[in-house]
Amino acid sequence: TVDGFIGEDDFTTEPTCTSSYAAGTPVSASPVTISCSGGDAGSDYAITYVPGALTIGQATLTVTADDKSVTYGDAAPTYTFSVDGFYGEDGWDTEPTCTSSYAAGTPVSASPVTISCSGGDAGGNYTVDYNTGALTIDPATLTVTADDKSVTYGDDAPTYTFSVDGFYGEDGWDTEPTCTSSYGAGTPVSASPVTISCSGGDAGGNYTVDYNTGALTINQR
């Protein structure tokens, strides 16, 4: 800005203003002096220059927790984050850490669980903003396998049983599977082996259930 001209008078050569600031000059150097020079308004004027100040504000880093998924009952995954806003080769003095309330056994019904990051320090040139992420808890898979059985031709079908793999801790069935086959007394030996199939198991929302068949061998009488 300029003060002191009479009427319509003006510069024949405008001043130019500069400072020592360049991209990457640290906040600690603020304020940086802005100096003007080189103006010419003719012989009617003497020019006095008053410096200004360039304030360097902190840049903002945006840290966003990465979305993750975990299977019910498993240990928490390694939490990671992305960051936007660094200048050049700048980096962390102290990296943020990211956590959630999830622990093995947290139910699927609690999904998604919020992942939060904090504690990042990139020095005086930066402030840090944080965005949360989401941890999705997927149902675990139970594998039900019908136990192989044998029967003598003409006898009643045996009691069908199964084995199960995949429960977490003390979890168990809300409704146990049932296992059946097409065998009946009088089914011939030539029909052997007869497939044993299980179905109908319900262990709640933390699980899905896969079924493997078994085999019923019919022995000669």
C-alpha atoms as a PDB file:
ATOM      1  CA  THR A   1       0.000   0.000   0.000  1.00  0.00           C
ATOM      2  CA  VAL A   2       1.132   3.559  -0.589  1.00  0.00           C
ATOM      3  CA  ASP A   3       0.258   6.833   1.080  1.00  0.00           C
ATOM      4  CA  GLY A   4       1.265  10.364   0.117  1.00  0.00           C
ATOM      5  CA  PHE A   5       0.457  10.954  -3.558  1.00  0.00           C
ATOM      6  CA  ILE A   6      -1.092  14.304  -4.549  1.00  0.00           C
ATOM      7  CA  GLY A   7      -4.074  14.174  -6.885  1.00  0.00           C
ATOM      8  CA  GLU A   8      -3.580  11.796  -9.800  1.00  0.00           C
ATOM      9  CA  ASP A   9       0.161  11.362  -9.303  1.00  0.00           C
ATOM     10  CA  ASP A  10       1.468   7.805  -9.423  1.00  0.00           C
ATOM     11  CA  PHE A  11       4.613   5.733  -9.729  1.00  0.00           C
ATOM     12  CA  THR A  12       6.603   5.848 -12.881  1.00  0.00           C
ATOM     13  CA  THR A  13       8.127   2.582 -11.664  1.00  0.00           C
ATOM     14  CA  GLU A  14       6.255   0.613  -9.020  1.00  0.00           C
ATOM     15  CA  PRO A  15       8.199  -0.843  -6.078  1.00  0.00           C
ATOM     16  CA  THR A  16       8.650  -4.600  -5.829  1.00  0.00           C
ATOM     17  CA  CYS A  17       8.286  -6.461  -2.563  1.00  0.00           C
ATOM     18  CA  THR A  18      10.098  -9.642  -1.580  1.00  0.00           C
ATOM     19  CA  SER A  19      10.954 -11.762   1.442  1.00  0.00           C
ATOM     20  CA  SER A  20      13.328 -14.579   2.236  1.00  0.00           C
ATOM     21  CA  TYR A  21      10.395 -17.006   2.434  1.00  0.00           C
ATOM     22  CA  ALA A  22      10.329 -20.046   0.162  1.00  0.00           C
ATOM     23  CA  ALA A  23       8.208 -23.190   0.262  1.00  0.00           C
ATOM     24  CA  GLY A  24       9.604 -25.216   3.138  1.00  0.00           C
ATOM     25  CA  THR A  25      10.670 -22.277   5.297  1.00  0.00           C
ATOM     26  CA  PRO A  26       9.747 -23.470   8.809  1.00  0.00           C
ATOM     27  CA  VAL A  27       7.048 -22.014  11.008  1.00  0.00           C
ATOM     28  CA  SER A  28       9.772 -21.206  13.524  1.00  0.00           C
ATOM     29  CA  ALA A  29      11.090 -18.535  11.107  1.00  0.00           C
ATOM     30  CA  SER A  30       7.777 -16.649  11.292  1.00  0.00           C
ATOM     31  CA  PRO A  31       7.232 -13.766  10.956  1.00  0.00           C
ATOM     32  CA  VAL A  32       9.412 -13.253   7.905  1.00  0.00           C
ATOM     33  CA  THR A  33      10.167  -9.635   6.944  1.00  0.00           C
ATOM     34  CA  ILE A  34       8.641  -8.384   3.679  1.00  0.00           C
ATOM     35  CA  SER A  35      10.704  -5.553   2.183  1.00  0.00           C
ATOM     36  CA  CYS A  36       9.810  -3.284  -0.735  1.00  0.00           C
ATOM     37  CA  SER A  37      12.232  -1.300  -2.926  1.00  0.00           C
ATOM     38  CA  GLY A  38      12.818   0.084  -6.399  1.00  0.00           C
ATOM     39  CA  GLY A  39       9.933   2.513  -6.598  1.00  0.00           C
ATOM     40  CA  ASP A  40      10.251   5.741  -8.632  1.00  0.00           C
ATOM     41  CA  ALA A  41       7.608   8.476  -8.555  1.00  0.00           C
ATOM     42  CA  GLY A  42       9.727  11.224 -10.091  1.00  0.00           C
ATOM     43  CA  SER A  43      11.592  14.113  -8.552  1.00  0.00           C
ATOM     44  CA  ASP A  44       8.578  15.397  -6.606  1.00  0.00           C
ATOM     45  CA  TYR A  45       8.672  12.474  -4.206  1.00  0.00           C
ATOM     46  CA  ALA A  46      11.040  10.755  -1.814  1.00  0.00           C
ATOM     47  CA  ILE A  47      10.057   7.207  -0.925  1.00  0.00           C
ATOM     48  CA  THR A  48      10.191   5.727   2.539  1.00  0.00           C
ATOM     49  CA  TYR A  49       9.717   1.963   2.866  1.00  0.00           C
ATOM     50  CA  VAL A  50       8.047   0.290   5.843  1.00  0.00           C
ATOM     51  CA  PRO A  51       8.500  -3.491   6.031  1.00  0.00           C
ATOM     52  CA  GLY A  52       5.605  -5.920   6.437  1.00  0.00           C
ATOM     53  CA  ALA A  53       5.455  -9.349   8.050  1.00  0.00           C
ATOM     54  CA  LEU A  54       4.739 -12.740   6.474  1.00  0.00           C
ATOM     55  CA  THR A  55       3.219 -15.109   9.018  1.00  0.00           C
ATOM     56  CA  ILE A  56       3.801 -18.814   8.323  1.00  0.00           C
ATOM     57  CA  GLY A  57       0.889 -20.881   9.613  1.00  0.00           C
ATOM     58  CA  GLN A  58       1.114 -24.581  10.425  1.00  0.00           C
ATOM     59  CA  ALA A  59       0.062 -26.965   7.677  1.00  0.00           C
ATOM     60  CA  THR A  60      -2.581 -29.574   8.524  1.00  0.00           C
ATOM     61  CA  LEU A  61      -1.881 -33.278   8.254  1.00  0.00           C
ATOM     62  CA  THR A  62      -4.941 -35.474   7.815  1.00  0.00           C
ATOM     63  CA  VAL A  63      -4.526 -38.945   9.292  1.00  0.00           C
ATOM     64  CA  THR A  64      -7.191 -41.470   8.317  1.00  0.00           C
ATOM     65  CA  ALA A  65      -7.411 -44.884   9.978  1.00  0.00           C
ATOM     66  CA  ASP A  66      -7.577 -47.633   7.354  1.00  0.00           C
ATOM     67  CA  ASP A  67     -10.694 -49.795   7.345  1.00  0.00           C
ATOM     68  CA  LYS A  68     -10.072 -53.386   8.425  1.00  0.00           C
ATOM     69  CA  SER A  69     -11.929 -56.646   8.818  1.00  0.00           C
ATOM     70  CA  VAL A  70     -11.540 -59.536  11.246  1.00  0.00           C
ATOM     71  CA  THR A  71     -13.207 -62.902  11.720  1.00  0.00           C
ATOM     72  CA  TYR A  72     -15.131 -63.357  14.963  1.00  0.00           C
ATOM     73  CA  GLY A  73     -12.861 -64.895  17.592  1.00  0.00           C
ATOM     74  CA  ASP A  74      -9.600 -63.910  15.915  1.00  0.00           C
ATOM     75  CA  ALA A  75      -7.038 -61.517  17.369  1.00  0.00           C
ATOM     76  CA  ALA A  76      -7.284 -57.884  16.330  1.00  0.00           C
ATOM     77  CA  PRO A  77      -5.561 -57.055  13.036  1.00  0.00           C
ATOM     78  CA  THR A  78      -2.645 -54.674  12.775  1.00  0.00           C
ATOM     79  CA  TYR A  79      -4.102 -51.194  12.504  1.00  0.00           C
ATOM     80  CA  THR A  80      -2.664 -48.859   9.870  1.00  0.00           C
ATOM     81  CA  PHE A  81      -3.373 -45.374   8.584  1.00  0.00           C
ATOM     82  CA  SER A  82      -2.873 -43.111   5.616  1.00  0.00           C
ATOM     83  CA  VAL A  83      -1.660 -39.522   5.875  1.00  0.00           C
ATOM     84  CA  ASP A  84      -2.064 -36.549   3.579  1.00  0.00           C
ATOM     85  CA  GLY A  85      -0.390 -33.150   3.807  1.00  0.00           C
ATOM     86  CA  PHE A  86       3.365 -33.585   4.225  1.00  0.00           C
ATOM     87  CA  TYR A  87       5.616 -31.188   2.339  1.00  0.00           C
ATOM     88  CA  GLY A  88       8.517 -32.707   0.432  1.00  0.00           C
ATOM     89  CA  GLU A  89      10.472 -35.250   2.423  1.00  0.00           C
ATOM     90  CA  ASP A  90       9.027 -34.245   5.799  1.00  0.00           C
ATOM     91  CA  GLY A  91       7.913 -37.057   8.085  1.00  0.00           C
ATOM     92  CA  TRP A  92       6.859 -37.971  11.589  1.00  0.00           C
ATOM     93  CA  ASP A  93       8.820 -37.291  14.737  1.00  0.00           C
ATOM     94  CA  THR A  94       6.374 -39.692  16.404  1.00  0.00           C
ATOM     95  CA  GLU A  95       3.953 -41.747  14.317  1.00  0.00           C
ATOM     96  CA  PRO A  96       0.297 -41.943  15.346  1.00  0.00           C
ATOM     97  CA  THR A  97      -1.002 -45.159  16.870  1.00  0.00           C
ATOM     98  CA  CYS A  98      -4.417 -46.592  16.031  1.00  0.00           C
ATOM     99  CA  THR A  99      -6.622 -48.673  18.312  1.00  0.00           C
ATOM    100  CA  SER A 100     -10.163 -49.941  18.692  1.00  0.00           C
ATOM    101  CA  SER A 101     -12.277 -51.508  21.432  1.00  0.00           C
ATOM    102  CA  TYR A 102     -12.264 -54.853  19.599  1.00  0.00           C
ATOM    103  CA  ALA A 103     -10.924 -57.950  21.325  1.00  0.00           C
ATOM    104  CA  ALA A 104     -11.213 -61.636  20.427  1.00  0.00           C
ATOM    105  CA  GLY A 105     -14.793 -62.586  21.273  1.00  0.00           C
ATOM    106  CA  THR A 106     -16.331 -59.204  20.465  1.00  0.00           C
ATOM    107  CA  PRO A 107     -19.602 -60.219  18.775  1.00  0.00           C
ATOM    108  CA  VAL A 108     -20.518 -59.622  15.160  1.00  0.00           C
ATOM    109  CA  SER A 109     -23.431 -57.500  16.410  1.00  0.00           C
ATOM    110  CA  ALA A 110     -20.910 -54.867  17.599  1.00  0.00           C
ATOM    111  CA  SER A 111     -19.673 -54.376  14.010  1.00  0.00           C
ATOM    112  CA  PRO A 112     -18.498 -51.982  12.740  1.00  0.00           C
ATOM    113  CA  VAL A 113     -16.113 -51.055  15.541  1.00  0.00           C
ATOM    114  CA  THR A 114     -14.527 -47.601  15.352  1.00  0.00           C
ATOM    115  CA  ILE A 115     -10.767 -47.434  14.755  1.00  0.00           C
ATOM    116  CA  SER A 116      -9.232 -44.231  16.152  1.00  0.00           C
ATOM    117  CA  CYS A 117      -5.719 -42.842  15.730  1.00  0.00           C
ATOM    118  CA  SER A 118      -3.888 -40.362  17.962  1.00  0.00           C
ATOM    119  CA  GLY A 119      -0.496 -39.296  19.220  1.00  0.00           C
ATOM    120  CA  GLY A 120       1.116 -38.187  15.973  1.00  0.00           C
ATOM    121  CA  ASP A 121       3.806 -35.501  16.171  1.00  0.00           C
ATOM    122  CA  ALA A 122       5.386 -34.007  13.061  1.00  0.00           C
ATOM    123  CA  GLY A 123       6.995 -31.008  14.749  1.00  0.00           C
ATOM    124  CA  GLY A 124       6.018 -27.377  14.868  1.00  0.00           C
ATOM    125  CA  ASN A 125       5.284 -27.045  11.155  1.00  0.00           C
ATOM    126  CA  TYR A 126       2.142 -29.185  11.371  1.00  0.00           C
ATOM    127  CA  THR A 127      -1.101 -29.732  13.183  1.00  0.00           C
ATOM    128  CA  VAL A 128      -2.763 -33.139  12.905  1.00  0.00           C
ATOM    129  CA  ASP A 129      -6.416 -33.937  12.221  1.00  0.00           C
ATOM    130  CA  TYR A 130      -7.721 -37.479  12.626  1.00  0.00           C
ATOM    131  CA  ASN A 131     -10.405 -39.392  10.768  1.00  0.00           C
ATOM    132  CA  THR A 132     -11.703 -42.678  12.133  1.00  0.00           C
ATOM    133  CA  GLY A 133     -11.883 -46.002  10.297  1.00  0.00           C
ATOM    134  CA  ALA A 134     -14.149 -49.019  10.688  1.00  0.00           C
ATOM    135  CA  LEU A 135     -13.363 -52.582  11.748  1.00  0.00           C
ATOM    136  CA  THR A 136     -15.860 -55.042  10.309  1.00  0.00           C
ATOM    137  CA  ILE A 137     -16.353 -58.269  12.269  1.00  0.00           C
ATOM    138  CA  ASP A 138     -17.238 -61.145   9.957  1.00  0.00           C
ATOM    139  CA  PRO A 139     -18.955 -64.328  11.185  1.00  0.00           C
ATOM    140  CA  ALA A 140     -16.690 -67.290  11.809  1.00  0.00           C
ATOM    141  CA  THR A 141     -17.346 -70.509   9.906  1.00  0.00           C
ATOM    142  CA  LEU A 142     -18.282 -73.693  11.697  1.00  0.00           C
ATOM    143  CA  THR A 143     -17.531 -76.890   9.795  1.00  0.00           C
ATOM    144  CA  VAL A 144     -19.936 -79.710  10.621  1.00  0.00           C
ATOM    145  CA  THR A 145     -18.895 -83.150   9.371  1.00  0.00           C
ATOM    146  CA  ALA A 146     -21.234 -86.117   9.542  1.00  0.00           C
ATOM    147  CA  ASP A 147     -19.525 -89.069  11.204  1.00  0.00           C
ATOM    148  CA  ASP A 148     -19.152 -92.181   9.069  1.00  0.00           C
ATOM    149  CA  LYS A 149     -21.303 -95.095  10.260  1.00  0.00           C
ATOM    150  CA  SER A 150     -21.987 -98.727   9.415  1.00  0.00           C
ATOM    151  CA  VAL A 151     -25.102-100.884   9.666  1.00  0.00           C
ATOM    152  CA  THR A 152     -25.993-104.539   8.982  1.00  0.00           C
ATOM    153  CA  TYR A 153     -28.483-105.122   6.194  1.00  0.00           C
ATOM    154  CA  GLY A 154     -31.984-105.218   7.639  1.00  0.00           C
ATOM    155  CA  ASP A 155     -31.160-103.420  10.886  1.00  0.00           C
ATOM    156  CA  ASP A 156     -32.528-100.047  11.900  1.00  0.00           C
ATOM    157  CA  ALA A 157     -30.486 -97.010  11.001  1.00  0.00           C
ATOM    158  CA  PRO A 158     -27.805 -96.137  13.567  1.00  0.00           C
ATOM    159  CA  THR A 159     -27.834 -92.920  15.531  1.00  0.00           C
ATOM    160  CA  TYR A 160     -26.216 -90.315  13.342  1.00  0.00           C
ATOM    161  CA  THR A 161     -23.615 -88.047  14.926  1.00  0.00           C
ATOM    162  CA  PHE A 162     -21.309 -85.311  13.771  1.00  0.00           C
ATOM    163  CA  SER A 163     -18.138 -83.464  14.667  1.00  0.00           C
ATOM    164  CA  VAL A 164     -17.797 -79.673  14.583  1.00  0.00           C
ATOM    165  CA  ASP A 165     -14.791 -77.429  14.217  1.00  0.00           C
ATOM    166  CA  GLY A 166     -14.604 -73.653  14.598  1.00  0.00           C
ATOM    167  CA  PHE A 167     -16.212 -72.622  17.881  1.00  0.00           C
ATOM    168  CA  TYR A 168     -14.553 -69.799  19.820  1.00  0.00           C
ATOM    169  CA  GLY A 169     -14.022 -70.358  23.535  1.00  0.00           C
ATOM    170  CA  GLU A 170     -17.093 -71.720  25.303  1.00  0.00           C
ATOM    171  CA  ASP A 171     -19.518 -70.916  22.481  1.00  0.00           C
ATOM    172  CA  GLY A 172     -21.993 -73.591  21.490  1.00  0.00           C
ATOM    173  CA  TRP A 173     -25.143 -74.328  19.541  1.00  0.00           C
ATOM    174  CA  ASP A 174     -28.435 -72.512  19.911  1.00  0.00           C
ATOM    175  CA  THR A 175     -29.864 -75.373  17.826  1.00  0.00           C
ATOM    176  CA  GLU A 176     -27.785 -78.457  17.061  1.00  0.00           C
ATOM    177  CA  PRO A 177     -27.703 -79.815  13.514  1.00  0.00           C
ATOM    178  CA  THR A 178     -29.545 -83.030  12.739  1.00  0.00           C
ATOM    179  CA  CYS A 179     -28.121 -85.681  10.457  1.00  0.00           C
ATOM    180  CA  THR A 180     -30.092 -88.069   8.255  1.00  0.00           C
ATOM    181  CA  SER A 181     -29.714 -90.442   5.337  1.00  0.00           C
ATOM    182  CA  SER A 182     -32.000 -92.230   2.895  1.00  0.00           C
ATOM    183  CA  TYR A 183     -31.244 -95.583   4.545  1.00  0.00           C
ATOM    184  CA  GLY A 184     -34.074 -97.699   5.876  1.00  0.00           C
ATOM    185  CA  ALA A 185     -34.232-101.315   7.086  1.00  0.00           C
ATOM    186  CA  GLY A 186     -34.130-103.318   3.892  1.00  0.00           C
ATOM    187  CA  THR A 187     -32.002-100.881   1.917  1.00  0.00           C
ATOM    188  CA  PRO A 188     -29.762-103.278  -0.050  1.00  0.00           C
ATOM    189  CA  VAL A 189     -26.036-103.641   0.337  1.00  0.00           C
ATOM    190  CA  SER A 190     -25.744-102.574  -3.295  1.00  0.00           C
ATOM    191  CA  ALA A 191     -26.846 -99.064  -2.234  1.00  0.00           C
ATOM    192  CA  SER A 192     -23.804 -98.744   0.021  1.00  0.00           C
ATOM    193  CA  PRO A 193     -22.341 -96.316   0.832  1.00  0.00           C
ATOM    194  CA  VAL A 194     -25.364 -94.140   1.630  1.00  0.00           C
ATOM    195  CA  THR A 195     -24.726 -90.419   2.088  1.00  0.00           C
ATOM    196  CA  ILE A 196     -25.260 -88.971   5.574  1.00  0.00           C
ATOM    197  CA  SER A 197     -26.152 -85.266   5.458  1.00  0.00           C
ATOM    198  CA  CYS A 198     -26.471 -82.763   8.310  1.00  0.00           C
ATOM    199  CA  SER A 199     -28.412 -79.499   8.390  1.00  0.00           C
ATOM    200  CA  GLY A 200     -30.331 -77.099  10.596  1.00  0.00           C
ATOM    201  CA  GLY A 201     -27.547 -75.980  12.915  1.00  0.00           C
ATOM    202  CA  ASP A 202     -27.823 -72.506  14.418  1.00  0.00           C
ATOM    203  CA  ALA A 203     -25.041 -70.998  16.539  1.00  0.00           C
ATOM    204  CA  GLY A 204     -26.258 -67.400  16.412  1.00  0.00           C
ATOM    205  CA  GLY A 205     -25.089 -64.407  14.452  1.00  0.00           C
ATOM    206  CA  ASN A 206     -21.393 -64.952  15.142  1.00  0.00           C
ATOM    207  CA  TYR A 207     -21.264 -68.024  12.913  1.00  0.00           C
ATOM    208  CA  THR A 208     -22.105 -69.433   9.541  1.00  0.00           C
ATOM    209  CA  VAL A 209     -22.251 -73.208   9.148  1.00  0.00           C
ATOM    210  CA  ASP A 210     -20.735 -75.374   6.413  1.00  0.00           C
ATOM    211  CA  TYR A 211     -21.630 -79.047   6.144  1.00  0.00           C
ATOM    212  CA  ASN A 212     -19.608 -82.051   5.024  1.00  0.00           C
ATOM    213  CA  THR A 213     -21.326 -85.348   4.353  1.00  0.00           C
ATOM    214  CA  GLY A 214     -20.472 -88.704   5.845  1.00  0.00           C
ATOM    215  CA  ALA A 215     -20.959 -92.273   4.582  1.00  0.00           C
ATOM    216  CA  LEU A 216     -23.139 -95.095   5.896  1.00  0.00           C
ATOM    217  CA  THR A 217     -21.739 -98.482   4.949  1.00  0.00           C
ATOM    218  CA  ILE A 218     -24.279-101.326   4.706  1.00  0.00           C
ATOM    219  CA  ASN A 219     -22.709-104.647   5.639  1.00  0.00           C
ATOM    220  CA  GLN A 220     -23.996-108.059   4.567  1.00  0.00           C
ATOM    221  CA  ARG A 221     -26.115-109.880   7.043  1.00  0.00           C
END
